[in-house]
N, C-alpha and C. Protein backbone atom coordinates (compact mmCIF):
# COMPACT_ATOMS: atom_id res chain seq x y z
N MET A 1 86.07 55.38 -9.32
CA MET A 1 85.14 56.40 -8.91
C MET A 1 84.83 57.30 -10.10
N ALA A 2 83.58 57.54 -10.33
CA ALA A 2 83.16 58.38 -11.44
C ALA A 2 83.47 59.84 -11.12
N GLN A 3 83.88 60.54 -12.17
CA GLN A 3 84.18 61.96 -12.01
C GLN A 3 82.99 62.79 -12.46
N THR A 4 82.72 63.84 -11.73
CA THR A 4 81.70 64.78 -12.18
C THR A 4 82.37 65.78 -13.12
N TRP A 5 81.56 66.49 -13.86
CA TRP A 5 82.12 67.49 -14.77
C TRP A 5 82.80 68.60 -13.97
N ASP A 6 82.22 68.95 -12.84
CA ASP A 6 82.82 70.00 -12.02
C ASP A 6 84.18 69.56 -11.48
N SER A 7 84.29 68.30 -11.06
CA SER A 7 85.58 67.84 -10.55
C SER A 7 86.62 67.76 -11.66
N LYS A 8 86.19 67.41 -12.87
CA LYS A 8 87.10 67.38 -14.02
C LYS A 8 87.62 68.79 -14.31
N LEU A 9 86.71 69.76 -14.29
CA LEU A 9 87.11 71.15 -14.53
C LEU A 9 88.01 71.66 -13.41
N LEU A 10 87.69 71.33 -12.19
CA LEU A 10 88.52 71.76 -11.06
C LEU A 10 89.91 71.15 -11.14
N ARG A 11 90.01 69.88 -11.52
CA ARG A 11 91.31 69.24 -11.67
C ARG A 11 92.12 69.94 -12.76
N HIS A 12 91.46 70.26 -13.88
CA HIS A 12 92.15 70.98 -14.96
C HIS A 12 92.64 72.34 -14.48
N GLN A 13 91.79 73.07 -13.76
CA GLN A 13 92.19 74.38 -13.25
C GLN A 13 93.36 74.27 -12.29
N ARG A 14 93.35 73.26 -11.45
CA ARG A 14 94.46 73.07 -10.51
C ARG A 14 95.75 72.72 -11.24
N ASP A 15 95.65 71.90 -12.29
CA ASP A 15 96.84 71.56 -13.07
C ASP A 15 97.44 72.80 -13.73
N ILE A 16 96.59 73.60 -14.35
CA ILE A 16 97.07 74.82 -15.00
C ILE A 16 97.63 75.78 -13.95
N ASP A 17 96.98 75.89 -12.80
CA ASP A 17 97.47 76.75 -11.73
C ASP A 17 98.84 76.29 -11.23
N ALA A 18 99.03 74.99 -11.09
CA ALA A 18 100.33 74.47 -10.65
C ALA A 18 101.42 74.77 -11.69
N GLN A 19 101.08 74.61 -12.96
CA GLN A 19 102.05 74.91 -14.02
C GLN A 19 102.39 76.39 -14.04
N LEU A 20 101.38 77.24 -13.86
CA LEU A 20 101.60 78.68 -13.84
C LEU A 20 102.45 79.08 -12.64
N THR A 21 102.16 78.51 -11.48
CA THR A 21 102.96 78.81 -10.29
C THR A 21 104.41 78.41 -10.48
N ALA A 22 104.65 77.22 -11.02
CA ALA A 22 106.02 76.75 -11.26
C ALA A 22 106.73 77.68 -12.25
N SER A 23 106.03 78.08 -13.29
CA SER A 23 106.67 78.92 -14.29
C SER A 23 106.93 80.33 -13.75
N LEU A 24 106.03 80.86 -12.92
CA LEU A 24 106.27 82.17 -12.30
C LEU A 24 107.40 82.10 -11.28
N ASN A 25 107.53 80.97 -10.59
CA ASN A 25 108.67 80.79 -9.68
C ASN A 25 109.98 80.82 -10.45
N ASP A 26 110.01 80.15 -11.61
CA ASP A 26 111.21 80.19 -12.46
C ASP A 26 111.51 81.61 -12.91
N LEU A 27 110.46 82.34 -13.28
CA LEU A 27 110.64 83.74 -13.69
C LEU A 27 111.21 84.57 -12.53
N GLY A 28 110.69 84.36 -11.33
CA GLY A 28 111.20 85.08 -10.16
C GLY A 28 112.66 84.78 -9.88
N ARG A 29 113.05 83.51 -10.04
CA ARG A 29 114.46 83.15 -9.85
C ARG A 29 115.34 83.83 -10.90
N LEU A 30 114.85 83.90 -12.13
CA LEU A 30 115.62 84.57 -13.19
C LEU A 30 115.78 86.05 -12.89
N VAL A 31 114.71 86.70 -12.46
CA VAL A 31 114.80 88.12 -12.09
C VAL A 31 115.77 88.29 -10.92
N GLY A 32 115.72 87.38 -9.95
CA GLY A 32 116.65 87.43 -8.82
C GLY A 32 118.10 87.33 -9.27
N ARG A 33 118.39 86.44 -10.22
CA ARG A 33 119.77 86.31 -10.74
C ARG A 33 120.21 87.60 -11.44
N ILE A 34 119.29 88.24 -12.16
CA ILE A 34 119.63 89.49 -12.85
C ILE A 34 119.94 90.57 -11.83
N VAL A 35 119.15 90.65 -10.76
CA VAL A 35 119.39 91.64 -9.71
C VAL A 35 120.70 91.35 -9.00
N LEU A 36 120.97 90.08 -8.71
CA LEU A 36 122.25 89.73 -8.07
C LEU A 36 123.43 90.07 -8.97
N ARG A 37 123.28 89.82 -10.25
CA ARG A 37 124.35 90.16 -11.18
C ARG A 37 124.61 91.66 -11.17
N ALA A 38 123.53 92.46 -11.15
CA ALA A 38 123.70 93.91 -11.11
C ALA A 38 124.29 94.34 -9.77
N GLY A 39 123.90 93.67 -8.69
CA GLY A 39 124.41 94.02 -7.37
C GLY A 39 125.84 93.57 -7.15
N SER A 40 126.32 92.60 -7.90
CA SER A 40 127.69 92.14 -7.72
C SER A 40 128.67 92.86 -8.62
N ALA A 41 128.17 93.73 -9.48
CA ALA A 41 129.06 94.54 -10.32
C ALA A 41 129.74 95.59 -9.44
N THR A 42 130.89 96.01 -9.85
CA THR A 42 131.61 97.02 -9.05
C THR A 42 131.28 98.42 -9.56
N ASN A 43 131.32 99.38 -8.62
CA ASN A 43 131.04 100.77 -9.00
C ASN A 43 132.35 101.46 -9.37
N ASP A 44 132.29 102.77 -9.50
CA ASP A 44 133.47 103.54 -9.91
C ASP A 44 134.62 103.40 -8.92
N ASP A 45 134.32 103.19 -7.63
CA ASP A 45 135.35 103.07 -6.60
C ASP A 45 135.88 101.65 -6.48
N GLY A 46 135.36 100.73 -7.28
CA GLY A 46 135.79 99.35 -7.20
C GLY A 46 135.07 98.56 -6.12
N GLN A 47 134.02 99.12 -5.56
CA GLN A 47 133.26 98.44 -4.52
C GLN A 47 132.00 97.84 -5.13
N ARG A 48 131.55 96.74 -4.52
CA ARG A 48 130.29 96.14 -4.94
C ARG A 48 129.16 96.82 -4.19
N ALA A 49 128.18 97.24 -4.93
CA ALA A 49 127.06 97.95 -4.30
C ALA A 49 125.79 97.68 -5.09
N ILE A 50 124.69 97.71 -4.38
CA ILE A 50 123.39 97.60 -5.04
C ILE A 50 123.19 98.89 -5.82
N PRO A 51 122.73 98.79 -7.06
CA PRO A 51 122.55 100.01 -7.86
C PRO A 51 121.60 100.97 -7.19
N ASN A 52 122.07 102.18 -6.96
CA ASN A 52 121.21 103.16 -6.31
C ASN A 52 121.10 104.45 -7.09
N ARG A 53 121.81 104.56 -8.20
CA ARG A 53 121.66 105.75 -9.04
C ARG A 53 120.57 105.49 -10.08
N ARG A 54 119.97 106.56 -10.52
CA ARG A 54 118.86 106.45 -11.47
C ARG A 54 119.27 105.68 -12.73
N ALA A 55 120.41 105.98 -13.30
CA ALA A 55 120.86 105.32 -14.53
C ALA A 55 121.06 103.82 -14.29
N GLU A 56 121.62 103.48 -13.13
CA GLU A 56 121.83 102.06 -12.81
C GLU A 56 120.50 101.34 -12.63
N ARG A 57 119.57 101.99 -11.95
CA ARG A 57 118.25 101.37 -11.77
C ARG A 57 117.52 101.19 -13.10
N GLU A 58 117.63 102.17 -13.97
CA GLU A 58 116.98 102.06 -15.27
C GLU A 58 117.65 100.98 -16.12
N ALA A 59 118.97 100.84 -16.02
CA ALA A 59 119.67 99.77 -16.74
C ALA A 59 119.23 98.41 -16.20
N LEU A 60 119.07 98.31 -14.88
CA LEU A 60 118.60 97.08 -14.26
C LEU A 60 117.17 96.77 -14.71
N ARG A 61 116.32 97.78 -14.71
CA ARG A 61 114.94 97.60 -15.15
C ARG A 61 114.90 97.14 -16.62
N GLY A 62 115.74 97.73 -17.45
CA GLY A 62 115.80 97.33 -18.86
C GLY A 62 116.29 95.90 -19.02
N ALA A 63 117.28 95.50 -18.21
CA ALA A 63 117.79 94.12 -18.29
C ALA A 63 116.72 93.13 -17.85
N ILE A 64 115.97 93.46 -16.81
CA ILE A 64 114.90 92.56 -16.35
C ILE A 64 113.84 92.43 -17.44
N TRP A 65 113.50 93.53 -18.09
CA TRP A 65 112.51 93.48 -19.16
C TRP A 65 113.01 92.63 -20.33
N ARG A 66 114.24 92.91 -20.80
CA ARG A 66 114.79 92.20 -21.96
C ARG A 66 115.02 90.72 -21.71
N GLU A 67 115.57 90.40 -20.55
CA GLU A 67 116.03 89.03 -20.31
C GLU A 67 114.99 88.13 -19.63
N ALA A 68 114.01 88.72 -18.96
CA ALA A 68 113.07 87.89 -18.21
C ALA A 68 111.61 88.14 -18.59
N LEU A 69 111.15 89.36 -18.40
CA LEU A 69 109.72 89.63 -18.55
C LEU A 69 109.22 89.53 -19.99
N LYS A 70 109.92 90.18 -20.92
CA LYS A 70 109.47 90.14 -22.32
C LYS A 70 109.48 88.72 -22.87
N PRO A 71 110.55 87.94 -22.70
CA PRO A 71 110.50 86.57 -23.23
C PRO A 71 109.40 85.73 -22.58
N TYR A 72 109.10 85.96 -21.31
CA TYR A 72 108.09 85.15 -20.64
C TYR A 72 106.67 85.54 -21.03
N PHE A 73 106.37 86.84 -21.05
CA PHE A 73 105.01 87.28 -21.30
C PHE A 73 104.70 87.52 -22.78
N ILE A 74 105.68 87.95 -23.57
CA ILE A 74 105.43 88.27 -24.97
C ILE A 74 106.10 87.27 -25.90
N GLY A 75 107.31 86.85 -25.58
CA GLY A 75 108.03 85.92 -26.44
C GLY A 75 108.91 86.67 -27.43
N ALA A 76 109.35 85.95 -28.46
CA ALA A 76 110.21 86.56 -29.47
C ALA A 76 109.41 87.52 -30.32
N GLY A 77 110.00 88.63 -30.68
CA GLY A 77 109.32 89.61 -31.51
C GLY A 77 108.51 90.59 -30.69
N ASP A 78 107.73 91.37 -31.39
CA ASP A 78 106.92 92.41 -30.73
C ASP A 78 105.48 91.98 -30.49
N ASP A 79 105.07 90.90 -31.12
CA ASP A 79 103.70 90.44 -30.99
C ASP A 79 103.67 89.16 -30.18
N ALA A 80 102.74 89.04 -29.26
CA ALA A 80 102.66 87.87 -28.39
C ALA A 80 102.17 86.63 -29.14
N PHE A 81 101.53 86.82 -30.29
CA PHE A 81 100.99 85.69 -31.05
C PHE A 81 101.54 85.68 -32.46
N ASP A 82 101.78 84.49 -32.97
CA ASP A 82 102.14 84.29 -34.36
C ASP A 82 100.90 83.68 -35.01
N GLY A 83 100.05 84.52 -35.55
CA GLY A 83 98.75 84.05 -36.01
C GLY A 83 97.90 83.76 -34.79
N SER A 84 97.56 82.49 -34.60
CA SER A 84 96.79 82.12 -33.41
C SER A 84 97.65 81.36 -32.40
N ALA A 85 98.91 81.15 -32.71
CA ALA A 85 99.81 80.41 -31.81
C ALA A 85 100.58 81.38 -30.93
N PRO A 86 100.53 81.18 -29.62
CA PRO A 86 101.27 82.07 -28.72
C PRO A 86 102.77 81.83 -28.83
N ARG A 87 103.55 82.89 -28.70
CA ARG A 87 105.01 82.79 -28.78
C ARG A 87 105.66 82.64 -27.41
N SER A 88 104.94 82.94 -26.37
CA SER A 88 105.54 82.98 -25.04
C SER A 88 105.07 81.81 -24.18
N PRO A 89 105.85 81.45 -23.15
CA PRO A 89 105.41 80.40 -22.23
C PRO A 89 104.10 80.77 -21.52
N TYR A 90 103.96 82.03 -21.15
CA TYR A 90 102.74 82.48 -20.48
C TYR A 90 101.53 82.34 -21.42
N GLY A 91 101.69 82.75 -22.66
CA GLY A 91 100.62 82.63 -23.63
C GLY A 91 100.23 81.19 -23.88
N ARG A 92 101.23 80.29 -23.95
CA ARG A 92 100.93 78.87 -24.14
C ARG A 92 100.15 78.31 -22.96
N LEU A 93 100.50 78.72 -21.75
CA LEU A 93 99.75 78.28 -20.57
C LEU A 93 98.31 78.80 -20.61
N LEU A 94 98.14 80.06 -20.96
CA LEU A 94 96.79 80.62 -21.04
C LEU A 94 95.95 79.89 -22.07
N VAL A 95 96.51 79.65 -23.24
CA VAL A 95 95.77 78.97 -24.30
C VAL A 95 95.43 77.54 -23.87
N ALA A 96 96.38 76.86 -23.25
CA ALA A 96 96.12 75.49 -22.78
C ALA A 96 95.01 75.48 -21.73
N GLY A 97 95.03 76.46 -20.84
CA GLY A 97 93.99 76.54 -19.81
C GLY A 97 92.63 76.81 -20.39
N ILE A 98 92.55 77.76 -21.30
CA ILE A 98 91.27 78.10 -21.92
C ILE A 98 90.78 76.94 -22.78
N ARG A 99 91.68 76.38 -23.58
CA ARG A 99 91.29 75.27 -24.46
C ARG A 99 90.77 74.08 -23.65
N GLY A 100 91.43 73.74 -22.56
CA GLY A 100 90.99 72.63 -21.73
C GLY A 100 89.65 72.89 -21.08
N ALA A 101 89.46 74.11 -20.57
CA ALA A 101 88.19 74.44 -19.92
C ALA A 101 87.04 74.42 -20.92
N VAL A 102 87.27 74.94 -22.11
CA VAL A 102 86.22 74.93 -23.14
C VAL A 102 85.93 73.50 -23.58
N ARG A 103 86.98 72.68 -23.73
CA ARG A 103 86.78 71.28 -24.12
C ARG A 103 85.93 70.54 -23.08
N ILE A 104 86.22 70.74 -21.82
CA ILE A 104 85.46 70.07 -20.76
C ILE A 104 84.00 70.51 -20.79
N GLN A 105 83.76 71.81 -20.97
CA GLN A 105 82.38 72.30 -21.02
C GLN A 105 81.65 71.79 -22.27
N ALA A 106 82.37 71.70 -23.39
CA ALA A 106 81.74 71.16 -24.60
C ALA A 106 81.38 69.69 -24.42
N GLU A 107 82.27 68.93 -23.78
CA GLU A 107 81.97 67.52 -23.51
C GLU A 107 80.76 67.41 -22.57
N ARG A 108 80.68 68.32 -21.64
CA ARG A 108 79.55 68.35 -20.72
C ARG A 108 78.24 68.59 -21.48
N GLN A 109 78.25 69.52 -22.42
CA GLN A 109 77.06 69.82 -23.20
C GLN A 109 76.66 68.65 -24.09
N VAL A 110 77.66 67.95 -24.64
CA VAL A 110 77.37 66.76 -25.44
C VAL A 110 76.67 65.72 -24.57
N ALA A 111 77.16 65.55 -23.35
CA ALA A 111 76.53 64.59 -22.44
C ALA A 111 75.09 65.00 -22.12
N VAL A 112 74.84 66.30 -21.96
CA VAL A 112 73.48 66.77 -21.70
C VAL A 112 72.59 66.48 -22.90
N ILE A 113 73.09 66.75 -24.10
CA ILE A 113 72.31 66.46 -25.31
C ILE A 113 72.02 64.97 -25.41
N GLN A 114 73.02 64.15 -25.14
CA GLN A 114 72.83 62.70 -25.22
C GLN A 114 71.78 62.23 -24.21
N ARG A 115 71.82 62.78 -23.01
CA ARG A 115 70.84 62.39 -22.00
C ARG A 115 69.44 62.86 -22.38
N ALA A 116 69.34 64.08 -22.88
CA ALA A 116 68.03 64.66 -23.18
C ALA A 116 67.39 64.04 -24.43
N THR A 117 68.20 63.54 -25.33
CA THR A 117 67.65 63.00 -26.59
C THR A 117 67.84 61.49 -26.69
N ARG A 118 68.02 60.83 -25.57
CA ARG A 118 68.25 59.39 -25.56
C ARG A 118 67.15 58.62 -26.29
N ARG A 119 65.90 59.06 -26.15
CA ARG A 119 64.77 58.36 -26.77
C ARG A 119 64.62 58.71 -28.24
N TYR A 120 65.38 59.67 -28.73
CA TYR A 120 65.28 60.12 -30.12
C TYR A 120 66.65 60.03 -30.79
N PRO A 121 67.07 58.84 -31.18
CA PRO A 121 68.42 58.67 -31.70
C PRO A 121 68.71 59.48 -32.97
N ARG A 122 67.72 59.67 -33.82
CA ARG A 122 67.96 60.44 -35.05
C ARG A 122 68.21 61.92 -34.71
N VAL A 123 67.44 62.45 -33.79
CA VAL A 123 67.65 63.83 -33.36
C VAL A 123 69.01 63.96 -32.68
N GLN A 124 69.32 63.01 -31.85
CA GLN A 124 70.61 63.02 -31.15
C GLN A 124 71.75 63.00 -32.16
N GLN A 125 71.69 62.13 -33.14
CA GLN A 125 72.75 62.05 -34.12
C GLN A 125 72.86 63.35 -34.90
N TRP A 126 71.73 63.91 -35.29
CA TRP A 126 71.75 65.16 -36.04
C TRP A 126 72.37 66.29 -35.22
N LEU A 127 71.98 66.39 -33.95
CA LEU A 127 72.53 67.44 -33.08
C LEU A 127 74.03 67.27 -32.86
N LEU A 128 74.46 66.03 -32.69
CA LEU A 128 75.86 65.81 -32.39
C LEU A 128 76.74 65.81 -33.64
N GLU A 129 76.16 65.58 -34.79
CA GLU A 129 76.93 65.58 -36.04
C GLU A 129 76.97 66.95 -36.69
N ALA A 130 76.17 67.88 -36.23
CA ALA A 130 76.04 69.17 -36.91
C ALA A 130 77.36 69.92 -37.00
N GLY A 131 78.23 69.77 -36.03
CA GLY A 131 79.49 70.51 -36.03
C GLY A 131 80.64 69.79 -36.69
N ARG A 132 80.44 68.61 -37.22
CA ARG A 132 81.53 67.83 -37.79
C ARG A 132 82.29 68.53 -38.91
N PRO A 133 81.63 69.21 -39.86
CA PRO A 133 82.42 69.84 -40.92
C PRO A 133 83.43 70.85 -40.38
N ARG A 134 83.08 71.63 -39.38
CA ARG A 134 84.00 72.63 -38.82
C ARG A 134 84.89 72.03 -37.74
N GLN A 135 84.54 70.84 -37.26
CA GLN A 135 85.31 70.25 -36.18
C GLN A 135 86.74 69.94 -36.61
N ALA A 136 86.94 69.59 -37.87
CA ALA A 136 88.29 69.31 -38.36
C ALA A 136 89.19 70.52 -38.20
N GLU A 137 88.60 71.70 -38.22
CA GLU A 137 89.34 72.93 -38.06
C GLU A 137 89.87 73.10 -36.63
N PHE A 138 89.07 72.70 -35.65
CA PHE A 138 89.40 72.97 -34.25
C PHE A 138 89.89 71.75 -33.49
N ALA A 139 89.39 70.56 -33.81
CA ALA A 139 89.77 69.35 -33.10
C ALA A 139 89.96 68.22 -34.11
N PRO A 140 91.09 68.23 -34.84
CA PRO A 140 91.28 67.24 -35.89
C PRO A 140 91.28 65.80 -35.37
N GLU A 141 91.71 65.59 -34.12
CA GLU A 141 91.75 64.23 -33.59
C GLU A 141 90.34 63.65 -33.44
N LEU A 142 89.35 64.50 -33.19
CA LEU A 142 87.97 64.02 -33.07
C LEU A 142 87.34 63.77 -34.44
N SER A 143 87.66 64.62 -35.39
CA SER A 143 87.03 64.47 -36.71
C SER A 143 87.55 63.24 -37.43
N LYS A 144 88.78 62.79 -37.14
CA LYS A 144 89.31 61.59 -37.78
C LYS A 144 88.62 60.34 -37.26
N SER A 145 88.34 60.33 -35.96
CA SER A 145 87.77 59.13 -35.37
C SER A 145 86.30 58.95 -35.69
N LYS A 146 85.58 60.02 -35.92
CA LYS A 146 84.14 59.93 -36.16
C LYS A 146 83.78 60.69 -37.43
N ALA A 147 84.43 60.33 -38.52
CA ALA A 147 84.17 61.02 -39.77
C ALA A 147 82.79 60.67 -40.29
N GLY A 148 82.24 61.58 -40.98
CA GLY A 148 80.93 61.32 -41.58
C GLY A 148 80.16 62.61 -41.69
N GLY A 149 79.40 62.71 -42.73
CA GLY A 149 78.64 63.93 -42.94
C GLY A 149 77.27 63.87 -42.31
N SER A 150 76.66 65.00 -42.23
CA SER A 150 75.33 65.05 -41.64
C SER A 150 74.28 65.42 -42.66
N SER A 151 74.65 65.47 -43.94
CA SER A 151 73.69 65.94 -44.94
C SER A 151 72.51 65.00 -45.09
N VAL A 152 72.73 63.68 -45.05
CA VAL A 152 71.63 62.72 -45.16
C VAL A 152 70.72 62.86 -43.95
N MET A 153 71.31 62.96 -42.78
CA MET A 153 70.52 63.08 -41.56
C MET A 153 69.76 64.41 -41.54
N THR A 154 70.39 65.46 -42.03
CA THR A 154 69.71 66.76 -42.06
C THR A 154 68.51 66.71 -42.98
N ARG A 155 68.67 66.10 -44.16
CA ARG A 155 67.53 65.98 -45.09
C ARG A 155 66.41 65.13 -44.50
N SER A 156 66.78 64.04 -43.81
CA SER A 156 65.75 63.15 -43.28
C SER A 156 64.99 63.77 -42.10
N ILE A 157 65.66 64.62 -41.31
CA ILE A 157 65.00 65.21 -40.17
C ILE A 157 64.26 66.48 -40.59
N CYS A 158 64.89 67.28 -41.40
CA CYS A 158 64.31 68.58 -41.74
C CYS A 158 63.33 68.52 -42.90
N GLY A 159 63.26 67.43 -43.57
CA GLY A 159 62.24 67.42 -44.61
C GLY A 159 62.65 66.82 -45.86
């Protein structure tokens, strides 16, 4: 069965959503373990109690931030990105989701160009080859498979 571009995008969104849900569930379980650990500690009287004093709650909040939230949302260090690479699991999911959605839309536009310029192969080649020099920067796997410059085609079409 042929896939439409919309169904391809929807499948990608569902995959990213499922990964995000699974990772947030793991984060919730980690926060739950931290709360249980704080609740199973003994107080001054030697009894186990849920922290109800301000200092205990703030210590619990700090532990949740240090051990669960900061590593998940920001990652190691103070900056969420190391250059353009995300340091955190959440950042990697966001980048993968955005990258996949943009890739699908770019493929869709290529298909539109191919359909619209089917009768004009030189124009089609020029339009589709125009981004090749910069493509190695963003999609090296594509530039290796279809290497070639567009300078000859540009001169022949433009004059």
